[in-house]
């Protein structure tokens, strides 16, 4: 596969890639644990979801 715009493809170790992504999120002021990227689900909502889970899915 050819790299876009003449750039070479680079492979990074998993840890380095995680650090690079974390640093970029920090620089951009993005907090994945806060809205709009995440939201709290009330415990009652989770229980209702589990109680209504299709029976066929539970037998897997």
C-alpha atoms as a PDB file:
ATOM      1  CA  UNK A   1       0.000   0.000   0.000  1.00  0.00           C
ATOM      2  CA  UNK A   2       1.292   3.448  -0.843  1.00  0.00           C
ATOM      3  CA  UNK A   3       1.342   6.086   1.845  1.00  0.00           C
ATOM      4  CA  UNK A   4      -0.710   9.232   1.160  1.00  0.00           C
ATOM      5  CA  UNK A   5       1.128  12.368  -0.008  1.00  0.00           C
ATOM      6  CA  UNK A   6       4.461  10.573  -0.309  1.00  0.00           C
ATOM      7  CA  UNK A   7       4.871   9.988   3.449  1.00  0.00           C
ATOM      8  CA  UNK A   8       6.290   6.678   4.600  1.00  0.00           C
ATOM      9  CA  UNK A   9       4.228   4.427   6.833  1.00  0.00           C
ATOM     10  CA  UNK A  10       5.680   4.167  10.332  1.00  0.00           C
ATOM     11  CA  UNK A  11       5.109   1.418  12.861  1.00  0.00           C
ATOM     12  CA  UNK A  12       5.116   2.332  16.568  1.00  0.00           C
ATOM     13  CA  UNK A  13       5.299   0.056  19.596  1.00  0.00           C
ATOM     14  CA  UNK A  14       1.941  -0.224  21.384  1.00  0.00           C
ATOM     15  CA  UNK A  15       3.059   1.695  24.497  1.00  0.00           C
ATOM     16  CA  UNK A  16       4.532   4.566  22.468  1.00  0.00           C
ATOM     17  CA  UNK A  17       1.332   4.824  20.448  1.00  0.00           C
ATOM     18  CA  UNK A  18      -0.788   4.943  23.632  1.00  0.00           C
ATOM     19  CA  UNK A  19       1.443   7.697  25.038  1.00  0.00           C
ATOM     20  CA  UNK A  20       1.234   9.677  21.790  1.00  0.00           C
ATOM     21  CA  UNK A  21      -2.563   9.461  21.774  1.00  0.00           C
ATOM     22  CA  UNK A  22      -2.779  10.411  25.476  1.00  0.00           C
ATOM     23  CA  UNK A  23      -0.503  13.420  24.930  1.00  0.00           C
ATOM     24  CA  UNK A  24      -2.537  14.569  21.909  1.00  0.00           C
ATOM     25  CA  UNK A  25      -5.795  14.328  23.886  1.00  0.00           C
ATOM     26  CA  UNK A  26      -4.242  16.359  26.731  1.00  0.00           C
ATOM     27  CA  UNK A  27      -2.963  19.023  24.300  1.00  0.00           C
ATOM     28  CA  UNK A  28      -6.417  19.270  22.707  1.00  0.00           C
ATOM     29  CA  UNK A  29      -8.151  19.446  26.100  1.00  0.00           C
ATOM     30  CA  UNK A  30     -10.168  16.287  25.478  1.00  0.00           C
ATOM     31  CA  UNK A  31     -11.274  14.309  28.551  1.00  0.00           C
ATOM     32  CA  UNK A  32     -12.743  10.990  27.421  1.00  0.00           C
ATOM     33  CA  UNK A  33     -14.234  10.360  30.863  1.00  0.00           C
ATOM     34  CA  UNK A  34     -16.369  13.521  30.668  1.00  0.00           C
ATOM     35  CA  UNK A  35     -19.305  14.547  28.442  1.00  0.00           C
ATOM     36  CA  UNK A  36     -19.815  14.516  25.519  1.00  0.00           C
ATOM     37  CA  UNK A  37     -17.468  11.519  25.176  1.00  0.00           C
ATOM     38  CA  UNK A  38     -18.930   9.634  28.112  1.00  0.00           C
ATOM     39  CA  UNK A  39     -22.002   9.853  30.268  1.00  0.00           C
ATOM     40  CA  UNK A  40     -23.063   8.427  33.590  1.00  0.00           C
ATOM     41  CA  UNK A  41     -25.719   5.758  33.387  1.00  0.00           C
ATOM     42  CA  UNK A  42     -27.940   5.534  36.454  1.00  0.00           C
ATOM     43  CA  UNK A  43     -27.791   2.150  38.186  1.00  0.00           C
ATOM     44  CA  UNK A  44     -31.542   1.759  37.622  1.00  0.00           C
ATOM     45  CA  UNK A  45     -30.932   2.127  33.889  1.00  0.00           C
ATOM     46  CA  UNK A  46     -28.342  -0.653  33.912  1.00  0.00           C
ATOM     47  CA  UNK A  47     -30.632  -2.958  35.906  1.00  0.00           C
ATOM     48  CA  UNK A  48     -33.542  -2.274  33.556  1.00  0.00           C
ATOM     49  CA  UNK A  49     -31.323  -2.994  30.558  1.00  0.00           C
ATOM     50  CA  UNK A  50     -30.156  -6.296  32.040  1.00  0.00           C
ATOM     51  CA  UNK A  51     -33.695  -7.325  32.994  1.00  0.00           C
ATOM     52  CA  UNK A  52     -34.884  -6.698  29.420  1.00  0.00           C
ATOM     53  CA  UNK A  53     -31.914  -8.418  27.779  1.00  0.00           C
ATOM     54  CA  UNK A  54     -33.160 -10.972  25.236  1.00  0.00           C
ATOM     55  CA  UNK A  55     -33.254 -14.489  26.676  1.00  0.00           C
ATOM     56  CA  UNK A  56     -31.588 -15.913  23.544  1.00  0.00           C
ATOM     57  CA  UNK A  57     -28.499 -13.736  24.117  1.00  0.00           C
ATOM     58  CA  UNK A  58     -28.099 -14.998  27.689  1.00  0.00           C
ATOM     59  CA  UNK A  59     -27.714 -18.623  26.556  1.00  0.00           C
ATOM     60  CA  UNK A  60     -24.543 -17.978  24.542  1.00  0.00           C
END
